[in-house]
Every structure is written in C-alpha cells, then in structure tokens.
Amino acid sequence: YSLGYMGFLALVSLVVAYFGRKLPDAFNEARFITFSM
C-alpha cells in the first residue's frame, strides 16, 4: 500500500509533466521531470 501510494504520486507527476512538456523553454523543466518519472 505504501509503495503503491508512492507509485500513484509518481504517475500523477508523470501525467502532469507530460502535458507540460511542450511549454515554452522558460518552463521546460517539465520535460526533464517527464523523463525522470
């Protein structure tokens, strides 16, 4: 359950970062977060 909860947080981060990956380069940390997740 504990591991699954962390996986859920990571999945949410991945989804949000994926949608933000094409933002202008001033905000391009979303791309790095996508790869890290």
PDB file of all heavy atoms in Angstrom:
ATOM      1  N   TYR A   1       0.844  -1.194   0.000  1.00  0.00           N
ATOM      2  CA  TYR A   1       0.000   0.000   0.000  1.00  0.00           C
ATOM      3  C   TYR A   1       0.883   1.249   0.000  1.00  0.00           C
ATOM      4  O   TYR A   1       0.634   2.210  -0.741  1.00  0.00           O
ATOM      5  CB  TYR A   1      -0.910   0.029   1.233  1.00  0.00           C
ATOM      6  CG  TYR A   1      -2.010  -1.007   1.231  1.00  0.00           C
ATOM      7  CD1 TYR A   1      -2.592  -1.439   2.431  1.00  0.00           C
ATOM      8  CD2 TYR A   1      -2.485  -1.550   0.042  1.00  0.00           C
ATOM      9  CE1 TYR A   1      -3.600  -2.392   2.432  1.00  0.00           C
ATOM     10  CE2 TYR A   1      -3.485  -2.501   0.035  1.00  0.00           C
ATOM     11  CZ  TYR A   1      -4.040  -2.916   1.235  1.00  0.00           C
ATOM     12  OH  TYR A   1      -5.038  -3.863   1.240  1.00  0.00           O
ATOM     13  N   SER A   2       1.903   1.224   0.855  1.00  0.00           N
ATOM     14  CA  SER A   2       2.831   2.354   0.932  1.00  0.00           C
ATOM     15  C   SER A   2       3.555   2.554  -0.393  1.00  0.00           C
ATOM     16  O   SER A   2       3.670   3.677  -0.900  1.00  0.00           O
ATOM     17  CB  SER A   2       3.843   2.114   2.058  1.00  0.00           C
ATOM     18  OG  SER A   2       4.824   3.131   2.096  1.00  0.00           O
ATOM     19  N   LEU A   3       4.027   1.459  -0.966  1.00  0.00           N
ATOM     20  CA  LEU A   3       4.722   1.523  -2.250  1.00  0.00           C
ATOM     21  C   LEU A   3       3.774   1.965  -3.362  1.00  0.00           C
ATOM     22  O   LEU A   3       4.142   2.769  -4.226  1.00  0.00           O
ATOM     23  CB  LEU A   3       5.317   0.153  -2.573  1.00  0.00           C
ATOM     24  CG  LEU A   3       6.286   0.071  -3.750  1.00  0.00           C
ATOM     25  CD1 LEU A   3       7.534   0.894  -3.469  1.00  0.00           C
ATOM     26  CD2 LEU A   3       6.659  -1.377  -4.030  1.00  0.00           C
ATOM     27  N   GLY A   4       2.551   1.461  -3.323  1.00  0.00           N
ATOM     28  CA  GLY A   4       1.565   1.830  -4.329  1.00  0.00           C
ATOM     29  C   GLY A   4       1.194   3.300  -4.264  1.00  0.00           C
ATOM     30  O   GLY A   4       0.963   3.941  -5.305  1.00  0.00           O
ATOM     31  N   TYR A   5       1.147   3.848  -3.055  1.00  0.00           N
ATOM     32  CA  TYR A   5       0.839   5.273  -2.907  1.00  0.00           C
ATOM     33  C   TYR A   5       1.932   6.124  -3.543  1.00  0.00           C
ATOM     34  O   TYR A   5       1.636   7.099  -4.244  1.00  0.00           O
ATOM     35  CB  TYR A   5       0.684   5.618  -1.428  1.00  0.00           C
ATOM     36  CG  TYR A   5       0.505   7.093  -1.163  1.00  0.00           C
ATOM     37  CD1 TYR A   5      -0.640   7.758  -1.588  1.00  0.00           C
ATOM     38  CD2 TYR A   5       1.489   7.826  -0.518  1.00  0.00           C
ATOM     39  CE1 TYR A   5      -0.806   9.118  -1.363  1.00  0.00           C
ATOM     40  CE2 TYR A   5       1.330   9.180  -0.282  1.00  0.00           C
ATOM     41  CZ  TYR A   5       0.188   9.815  -0.711  1.00  0.00           C
ATOM     42  OH  TYR A   5       0.037  11.172  -0.492  1.00  0.00           O
ATOM     43  N   MET A   6       3.203   5.745  -3.325  1.00  0.00           N
ATOM     44  CA  MET A   6       4.299   6.478  -3.958  1.00  0.00           C
ATOM     45  C   MET A   6       4.239   6.337  -5.476  1.00  0.00           C
ATOM     46  O   MET A   6       4.531   7.286  -6.222  1.00  0.00           O
ATOM     47  CB  MET A   6       5.643   5.991  -3.423  1.00  0.00           C
ATOM     48  CG  MET A   6       5.934   6.449  -2.007  1.00  0.00           C
ATOM     49  SD  MET A   6       7.581   5.974  -1.440  1.00  0.00           S
ATOM     50  CE  MET A   6       7.320   4.229  -1.100  1.00  0.00           C
ATOM     51  N   GLY A   7       3.859   5.146  -5.931  1.00  0.00           N
ATOM     52  CA  GLY A   7       3.702   4.949  -7.367  1.00  0.00           C
ATOM     53  C   GLY A   7       2.593   5.818  -7.939  1.00  0.00           C
ATOM     54  O   GLY A   7       2.722   6.351  -9.054  1.00  0.00           O
ATOM     55  N   PHE A   8       1.512   5.984  -7.176  1.00  0.00           N
ATOM     56  CA  PHE A   8       0.414   6.854  -7.603  1.00  0.00           C
ATOM     57  C   PHE A   8       0.885   8.300  -7.745  1.00  0.00           C
ATOM     58  O   PHE A   8       0.582   8.974  -8.740  1.00  0.00           O
ATOM     59  CB  PHE A   8      -0.731   6.765  -6.598  1.00  0.00           C
ATOM     60  CG  PHE A   8      -1.804   7.805  -6.797  1.00  0.00           C
ATOM     61  CD1 PHE A   8      -2.716   7.687  -7.844  1.00  0.00           C
ATOM     62  CD2 PHE A   8      -1.909   8.899  -5.937  1.00  0.00           C
ATOM     63  CE1 PHE A   8      -3.699   8.656  -8.030  1.00  0.00           C
ATOM     64  CE2 PHE A   8      -2.888   9.857  -6.123  1.00  0.00           C
ATOM     65  CZ  PHE A   8      -3.781   9.736  -7.177  1.00  0.00           C
ATOM     66  N   LEU A   9       1.660   8.790  -6.759  1.00  0.00           N
ATOM     67  CA  LEU A   9       2.192  10.154  -6.832  1.00  0.00           C
ATOM     68  C   LEU A   9       3.110  10.317  -8.041  1.00  0.00           C
ATOM     69  O   LEU A   9       3.064  11.335  -8.735  1.00  0.00           O
ATOM     70  CB  LEU A   9       2.959  10.495  -5.551  1.00  0.00           C
ATOM     71  CG  LEU A   9       2.151  10.586  -4.250  1.00  0.00           C
ATOM     72  CD1 LEU A   9       3.081  10.935  -3.090  1.00  0.00           C
ATOM     73  CD2 LEU A   9       1.047  11.631  -4.369  1.00  0.00           C
ATOM     74  N   ALA A  10       3.940   9.300  -8.277  1.00  0.00           N
ATOM     75  CA  ALA A  10       4.849   9.359  -9.422  1.00  0.00           C
ATOM     76  C   ALA A  10       4.075   9.372 -10.736  1.00  0.00           C
ATOM     77  O   ALA A  10       4.430  10.092 -11.678  1.00  0.00           O
ATOM     78  CB  ALA A  10       5.807   8.173  -9.389  1.00  0.00           C
ATOM     79  N   LEU A  11       3.001   8.591 -10.796  1.00  0.00           N
ATOM     80  CA  LEU A  11       2.189   8.530 -12.017  1.00  0.00           C
ATOM     81  C   LEU A  11       1.503   9.870 -12.272  1.00  0.00           C
ATOM     82  O   LEU A  11       1.453  10.349 -13.417  1.00  0.00           O
ATOM     83  CB  LEU A  11       1.154   7.412 -11.899  1.00  0.00           C
ATOM     84  CG  LEU A  11       0.292   7.149 -13.145  1.00  0.00           C
ATOM     85  CD1 LEU A  11       1.187   6.751 -14.321  1.00  0.00           C
ATOM     86  CD2 LEU A  11      -0.729   6.058 -12.861  1.00  0.00           C
ATOM     87  N   VAL A  12       0.979  10.493 -11.214  1.00  0.00           N
ATOM     88  CA  VAL A  12       0.354  11.810 -11.361  1.00  0.00           C
ATOM     89  C   VAL A  12       1.383  12.827 -11.851  1.00  0.00           C
ATOM     90  O   VAL A  12       1.110  13.640 -12.749  1.00  0.00           O
ATOM     91  CB  VAL A  12      -0.270  12.270 -10.028  1.00  0.00           C
ATOM     92  CG1 VAL A  12      -0.765  13.718 -10.134  1.00  0.00           C
ATOM     93  CG2 VAL A  12      -1.425  11.358  -9.635  1.00  0.00           C
ATOM     94  N   SER A  13       2.591  12.785 -11.271  1.00  0.00           N
ATOM     95  CA  SER A  13       3.660  13.684 -11.708  1.00  0.00           C
ATOM     96  C   SER A  13       3.994  13.467 -13.181  1.00  0.00           C
ATOM     97  O   SER A  13       4.201  14.423 -13.933  1.00  0.00           O
ATOM     98  CB  SER A  13       4.921  13.471 -10.864  1.00  0.00           C
ATOM     99  OG  SER A  13       4.692  13.771  -9.509  1.00  0.00           O
ATOM    100  N   LEU A  14       4.050  12.203 -13.580  1.00  0.00           N
ATOM    101  CA  LEU A  14       4.356  11.873 -14.969  1.00  0.00           C
ATOM    102  C   LEU A  14       3.296  12.422 -15.912  1.00  0.00           C
ATOM    103  O   LEU A  14       3.617  13.021 -16.952  1.00  0.00           O
ATOM    104  CB  LEU A  14       4.466  10.356 -15.121  1.00  0.00           C
ATOM    105  CG  LEU A  14       4.642   9.820 -16.552  1.00  0.00           C
ATOM    106  CD1 LEU A  14       5.934  10.348 -17.172  1.00  0.00           C
ATOM    107  CD2 LEU A  14       4.645   8.294 -16.545  1.00  0.00           C
ATOM    108  N   VAL A  15       2.029  12.247 -15.560  1.00  0.00           N
ATOM    109  CA  VAL A  15       0.938  12.703 -16.426  1.00  0.00           C
ATOM    110  C   VAL A  15       0.944  14.225 -16.541  1.00  0.00           C
ATOM    111  O   VAL A  15       0.852  14.787 -17.643  1.00  0.00           O
ATOM    112  CB  VAL A  15      -0.419  12.206 -15.882  1.00  0.00           C
ATOM    113  CG1 VAL A  15      -1.574  12.854 -16.649  1.00  0.00           C
ATOM    114  CG2 VAL A  15      -0.507  10.690 -15.981  1.00  0.00           C
ATOM    115  N   VAL A  16       1.076  14.921 -15.404  1.00  0.00           N
ATOM    116  CA  VAL A  16       1.081  16.386 -15.424  1.00  0.00           C
ATOM    117  C   VAL A  16       2.288  16.903 -16.199  1.00  0.00           C
ATOM    118  O   VAL A  16       2.179  17.839 -17.002  1.00  0.00           O
ATOM    119  CB  VAL A  16       1.090  16.950 -13.988  1.00  0.00           C
ATOM    120  CG1 VAL A  16       1.194  18.476 -14.010  1.00  0.00           C
ATOM    121  CG2 VAL A  16      -0.179  16.531 -13.249  1.00  0.00           C
ATOM    122  N   ALA A  17       3.454  16.298 -15.970  1.00  0.00           N
ATOM    123  CA  ALA A  17       4.667  16.724 -16.672  1.00  0.00           C
ATOM    124  C   ALA A  17       4.550  16.451 -18.172  1.00  0.00           C
ATOM    125  O   ALA A  17       5.039  17.244 -18.993  1.00  0.00           O
ATOM    126  CB  ALA A  17       5.886  16.010 -16.103  1.00  0.00           C
ATOM    127  N   TYR A  18       3.909  15.359 -18.528  1.00  0.00           N
ATOM    128  CA  TYR A  18       3.744  15.025 -19.948  1.00  0.00           C
ATOM    129  C   TYR A  18       2.922  16.095 -20.661  1.00  0.00           C
ATOM    130  O   TYR A  18       3.260  16.515 -21.772  1.00  0.00           O
ATOM    131  CB  TYR A  18       3.073  13.663 -20.082  1.00  0.00           C
ATOM    132  CG  TYR A  18       2.821  13.256 -21.517  1.00  0.00           C
ATOM    133  CD1 TYR A  18       3.852  12.715 -22.287  1.00  0.00           C
ATOM    134  CD2 TYR A  18       1.569  13.401 -22.093  1.00  0.00           C
ATOM    135  CE1 TYR A  18       3.634  12.341 -23.604  1.00  0.00           C
ATOM    136  CE2 TYR A  18       1.336  13.035 -23.411  1.00  0.00           C
ATOM    137  CZ  TYR A  18       2.365  12.504 -24.157  1.00  0.00           C
ATOM    138  OH  TYR A  18       2.134  12.147 -25.470  1.00  0.00           O
ATOM    139  N   PHE A  19       1.866  16.547 -20.018  1.00  0.00           N
ATOM    140  CA  PHE A  19       1.042  17.587 -20.630  1.00  0.00           C
ATOM    141  C   PHE A  19       1.769  18.932 -20.701  1.00  0.00           C
ATOM    142  O   PHE A  19       1.429  19.783 -21.529  1.00  0.00           O
ATOM    143  CB  PHE A  19      -0.268  17.752 -19.855  1.00  0.00           C
ATOM    144  CG  PHE A  19      -1.267  16.662 -20.125  1.00  0.00           C
ATOM    145  CD1 PHE A  19      -1.647  15.790 -19.124  1.00  0.00           C
ATOM    146  CD2 PHE A  19      -1.817  16.503 -21.387  1.00  0.00           C
ATOM    147  CE1 PHE A  19      -2.564  14.770 -19.367  1.00  0.00           C
ATOM    148  CE2 PHE A  19      -2.731  15.495 -21.643  1.00  0.00           C
ATOM    149  CZ  PHE A  19      -3.110  14.617 -20.636  1.00  0.00           C
ATOM    150  N   GLY A  20       2.769  19.109 -19.821  1.00  0.00           N
ATOM    151  CA  GLY A  20       3.502  20.378 -19.818  1.00  0.00           C
ATOM    152  C   GLY A  20       4.807  20.340 -20.578  1.00  0.00           C
ATOM    153  O   GLY A  20       5.557  21.309 -20.583  1.00  0.00           O
ATOM    154  N   ARG A  21       5.082  19.217 -21.266  1.00  0.00           N
ATOM    155  CA  ARG A  21       6.396  19.060 -21.895  1.00  0.00           C
ATOM    156  C   ARG A  21       6.621  19.998 -23.078  1.00  0.00           C
ATOM    157  O   ARG A  21       7.759  20.273 -23.464  1.00  0.00           O
ATOM    158  CB  ARG A  21       6.578  17.618 -22.354  1.00  0.00           C
ATOM    159  CG  ARG A  21       5.763  17.247 -23.587  1.00  0.00           C
ATOM    160  CD  ARG A  21       5.693  15.764 -23.830  1.00  0.00           C
ATOM    161  NE  ARG A  21       5.082  15.434 -25.113  1.00  0.00           N
ATOM    162  CZ  ARG A  21       3.791  15.510 -25.368  1.00  0.00           C
ATOM    163  NH1 ARG A  21       2.960  15.921 -24.424  1.00  0.00           N
ATOM    164  NH2 ARG A  21       3.323  15.192 -26.567  1.00  0.00           N
ATOM    165  N   LYS A  22       5.531  20.504 -23.704  1.00  0.00           N
ATOM    166  CA  LYS A  22       5.668  21.358 -24.881  1.00  0.00           C
ATOM    167  C   LYS A  22       5.515  22.841 -24.559  1.00  0.00           C
ATOM    168  O   LYS A  22       5.340  23.656 -25.470  1.00  0.00           O
ATOM    169  CB  LYS A  22       4.639  20.952 -25.942  1.00  0.00           C
ATOM    170  CG  LYS A  22       4.892  19.565 -26.536  1.00  0.00           C
ATOM    171  CD  LYS A  22       3.929  19.250 -27.657  1.00  0.00           C
ATOM    172  CE  LYS A  22       4.236  17.884 -28.269  1.00  0.00           C
ATOM    173  NZ  LYS A  22       3.309  17.547 -29.372  1.00  0.00           N
ATOM    174  N   LEU A  23       5.575  23.172 -23.273  1.00  0.00           N
ATOM    175  CA  LEU A  23       5.522  24.580 -22.906  1.00  0.00           C
ATOM    176  C   LEU A  23       6.770  25.293 -23.411  1.00  0.00           C
ATOM    177  O   LEU A  23       7.785  24.651 -23.704  1.00  0.00           O
ATOM    178  CB  LEU A  23       5.423  24.719 -21.387  1.00  0.00           C
ATOM    179  CG  LEU A  23       4.137  24.202 -20.737  1.00  0.00           C
ATOM    180  CD1 LEU A  23       4.227  24.339 -19.230  1.00  0.00           C
ATOM    181  CD2 LEU A  23       2.918  24.936 -21.266  1.00  0.00           C
ATOM    182  N   PRO A  24       6.734  26.617 -23.507  1.00  0.00           N
ATOM    183  CA  PRO A  24       7.936  27.355 -23.933  1.00  0.00           C
ATOM    184  C   PRO A  24       9.130  27.003 -23.061  1.00  0.00           C
ATOM    185  O   PRO A  24       8.991  26.594 -21.913  1.00  0.00           O
ATOM    186  CB  PRO A  24       7.519  28.822 -23.753  1.00  0.00           C
ATOM    187  CG  PRO A  24       6.038  28.805 -23.900  1.00  0.00           C
ATOM    188  CD  PRO A  24       5.583  27.502 -23.308  1.00  0.00           C
ATOM    189  N   ASP A  25      10.332  27.195 -23.583  1.00  0.00           N
ATOM    190  CA  ASP A  25      11.542  26.736 -22.917  1.00  0.00           C
ATOM    191  C   ASP A  25      11.796  27.367 -21.568  1.00  0.00           C
ATOM    192  O   ASP A  25      12.590  26.875 -20.785  1.00  0.00           O
ATOM    193  CB  ASP A  25      12.754  26.969 -23.813  1.00  0.00           C
ATOM    194  CG  ASP A  25      12.913  25.867 -24.853  1.00  0.00           C
ATOM    195  OD1 ASP A  25      12.059  24.962 -24.885  1.00  0.00           O
ATOM    196  OD2 ASP A  25      13.860  25.925 -25.611  1.00  0.00           O
ATOM    197  N   ALA A  26      11.178  28.496 -21.296  1.00  0.00           N
ATOM    198  CA  ALA A  26      11.341  29.091 -19.968  1.00  0.00           C
ATOM    199  C   ALA A  26      10.765  28.177 -18.898  1.00  0.00           C
ATOM    200  O   ALA A  26      11.091  28.283 -17.731  1.00  0.00           O
ATOM    201  CB  ALA A  26      10.654  30.452 -19.907  1.00  0.00           C
ATOM    202  N   PHE A  27       9.882  27.256 -19.330  1.00  0.00           N
ATOM    203  CA  PHE A  27       9.231  26.348 -18.374  1.00  0.00           C
ATOM    204  C   PHE A  27       9.554  24.884 -18.694  1.00  0.00           C
ATOM    205  O   PHE A  27       8.802  23.990 -18.352  1.00  0.00           O
ATOM    206  CB  PHE A  27       7.709  26.552 -18.421  1.00  0.00           C
ATOM    207  CG  PHE A  27       7.291  27.971 -18.213  1.00  0.00           C
ATOM    208  CD1 PHE A  27       7.078  28.795 -19.299  1.00  0.00           C
ATOM    209  CD2 PHE A  27       7.149  28.486 -16.939  1.00  0.00           C
ATOM    210  CE1 PHE A  27       6.697  30.113 -19.122  1.00  0.00           C
ATOM    211  CE2 PHE A  27       6.766  29.804 -16.760  1.00  0.00           C
ATOM    212  CZ  PHE A  27       6.535  30.623 -17.850  1.00  0.00           C
ATOM    213  N   ASN A  28      10.682  24.636 -19.383  1.00  0.00           N
ATOM    214  CA  ASN A  28      10.937  23.307 -19.922  1.00  0.00           C
ATOM    215  C   ASN A  28      11.398  22.288 -18.899  1.00  0.00           C
ATOM    216  O   ASN A  28      11.790  21.199 -19.278  1.00  0.00           O
ATOM    217  CB  ASN A  28      11.943  23.382 -21.073  1.00  0.00           C
ATOM    218  CG  ASN A  28      13.350  23.729 -20.587  1.00  0.00           C
ATOM    219  OD1 ASN A  28      13.544  24.136 -19.442  1.00  0.00           O
ATOM    220  ND2 ASN A  28      14.311  23.580 -21.460  1.00  0.00           N
ATOM    221  N   GLU A  29      11.381  22.588 -17.594  1.00  0.00           N
ATOM    222  CA  GLU A  29      11.730  21.588 -16.595  1.00  0.00           C
ATOM    223  C   GLU A  29      10.757  20.423 -16.628  1.00  0.00           C
ATOM    224  O   GLU A  29      11.091  19.314 -16.190  1.00  0.00           O
ATOM    225  CB  GLU A  29      11.763  22.211 -15.205  1.00  0.00           C
ATOM    226  CG  GLU A  29      12.405  21.330 -14.160  1.00  0.00           C
ATOM    227  CD  GLU A  29      12.531  22.000 -12.814  1.00  0.00           C
ATOM    228  OE1 GLU A  29      11.645  22.812 -12.476  1.00  0.00           O
ATOM    229  OE2 GLU A  29      13.506  21.721 -12.113  1.00  0.00           O
ATOM    230  N   ALA A  30       9.561  20.650 -17.159  1.00  0.00           N
ATOM    231  CA  ALA A  30       8.571  19.575 -17.268  1.00  0.00           C
ATOM    232  C   ALA A  30       9.098  18.427 -18.123  1.00  0.00           C
ATOM    233  O   ALA A  30       8.772  17.264 -17.889  1.00  0.00           O
ATOM    234  CB  ALA A  30       7.264  20.109 -17.854  1.00  0.00           C
ATOM    235  N   ARG A  31       9.934  18.732 -19.102  1.00  0.00           N
ATOM    236  CA  ARG A  31      10.495  17.682 -19.953  1.00  0.00           C
ATOM    237  C   ARG A  31      11.426  16.783 -19.141  1.00  0.00           C
ATOM    238  O   ARG A  31      11.390  15.558 -19.262  1.00  0.00           O
ATOM    239  CB  ARG A  31      11.254  18.303 -21.119  1.00  0.00           C
ATOM    240  CG  ARG A  31      10.386  19.188 -21.999  1.00  0.00           C
ATOM    241  CD  ARG A  31      11.221  19.852 -23.061  1.00  0.00           C
ATOM    242  NE  ARG A  31      10.409  20.791 -23.841  1.00  0.00           N
ATOM    243  CZ  ARG A  31      10.885  21.540 -24.823  1.00  0.00           C
ATOM    244  NH1 ARG A  31      12.166  21.456 -25.144  1.00  0.00           N
ATOM    245  NH2 ARG A  31      10.099  22.373 -25.479  1.00  0.00           N
ATOM    246  N   PHE A  32      12.270  17.402 -18.331  1.00  0.00           N
ATOM    247  CA  PHE A  32      13.193  16.626 -17.512  1.00  0.00           C
ATOM    248  C   PHE A  32      12.441  15.807 -16.465  1.00  0.00           C
ATOM    249  O   PHE A  32      12.815  14.674 -16.163  1.00  0.00           O
ATOM    250  CB  PHE A  32      14.203  17.549 -16.822  1.00  0.00           C
ATOM    251  CG  PHE A  32      14.979  18.418 -17.785  1.00  0.00           C
ATOM    252  CD1 PHE A  32      15.156  19.770 -17.538  1.00  0.00           C
ATOM    253  CD2 PHE A  32      15.516  17.871 -18.935  1.00  0.00           C
ATOM    254  CE1 PHE A  32      15.871  20.557 -18.417  1.00  0.00           C
ATOM    255  CE2 PHE A  32      16.238  18.653 -19.824  1.00  0.00           C
ATOM    256  CZ  PHE A  32      16.416  20.010 -19.566  1.00  0.00           C
ATOM    257  N   ILE A  33      11.386  16.396 -15.911  1.00  0.00           N
ATOM    258  CA  ILE A  33      10.586  15.676 -14.926  1.00  0.00           C
ATOM    259  C   ILE A  33       9.896  14.475 -15.576  1.00  0.00           C
ATOM    260  O   ILE A  33       9.785  13.404 -14.970  1.00  0.00           O
ATOM    261  CB  ILE A  33       9.555  16.622 -14.279  1.00  0.00           C
ATOM    262  CG1 ILE A  33      10.271  17.670 -13.420  1.00  0.00           C
ATOM    263  CG2 ILE A  33       8.558  15.837 -13.424  1.00  0.00           C
ATOM    264  CD1 ILE A  33       9.354  18.714 -12.823  1.00  0.00           C
ATOM    265  N   THR A  34       9.436  14.636 -16.819  1.00  0.00           N
ATOM    266  CA  THR A  34       8.808  13.527 -17.533  1.00  0.00           C
ATOM    267  C   THR A  34       9.767  12.351 -17.656  1.00  0.00           C
ATOM    268  O   THR A  34       9.418  11.198 -17.363  1.00  0.00           O
ATOM    269  CB  THR A  34       8.346  13.972 -18.938  1.00  0.00           C
ATOM    270  OG1 THR A  34       7.433  15.065 -18.819  1.00  0.00           O
ATOM    271  CG2 THR A  34       7.672  12.822 -19.665  1.00  0.00           C
ATOM    272  N   PHE A  35      10.996  12.626 -18.081  1.00  0.00           N
ATOM    273  CA  PHE A  35      11.990  11.553 -18.216  1.00  0.00           C
ATOM    274  C   PHE A  35      12.302  10.932 -16.854  1.00  0.00           C
ATOM    275  O   PHE A  35      12.431   9.703 -16.741  1.00  0.00           O
ATOM    276  CB  PHE A  35      13.272  12.106 -18.843  1.00  0.00           C
ATOM    277  CG  PHE A  35      13.158  12.398 -20.312  1.00  0.00           C
ATOM    278  CD1 PHE A  35      13.451  13.653 -20.811  1.00  0.00           C
ATOM    279  CD2 PHE A  35      12.752  11.410 -21.200  1.00  0.00           C
ATOM    280  CE1 PHE A  35      13.336  13.929 -22.169  1.00  0.00           C
ATOM    281  CE2 PHE A  35      12.638  11.672 -22.558  1.00  0.00           C
ATOM    282  CZ  PHE A  35      12.925  12.941 -23.046  1.00  0.00           C
ATOM    283  N   SER A  36      12.445  11.768 -15.839  1.00  0.00           N
ATOM    284  CA  SER A  36      12.783  11.242 -14.510  1.00  0.00           C
ATOM    285  C   SER A  36      11.671  10.353 -13.969  1.00  0.00           C
ATOM    286  O   SER A  36      11.931   9.306 -13.354  1.00  0.00           O
ATOM    287  CB  SER A  36      13.064  12.385 -13.538  1.00  0.00           C
ATOM    288  OG  SER A  36      11.891  13.129 -13.245  1.00  0.00           O
ATOM    289  N   MET A  37      10.425  10.712 -14.191  1.00  0.00           N
ATOM    290  CA  MET A  37       9.310   9.910 -13.722  1.00  0.00           C
ATOM    291  C   MET A  37       9.162   8.615 -14.520  1.00  0.00           C
ATOM    292  O   MET A  37       8.740   7.585 -13.990  1.00  0.00           O
ATOM    293  CB  MET A  37       7.999  10.715 -13.792  1.00  0.00           C
ATOM    294  CG  MET A  37       7.885  11.789 -12.723  1.00  0.00           C
ATOM    295  SD  MET A  37       7.793  11.092 -11.040  1.00  0.00           S
ATOM    296  CE  MET A  37       9.465  11.316 -10.479  1.00  0.00           C
TER     297      MET A  37
END
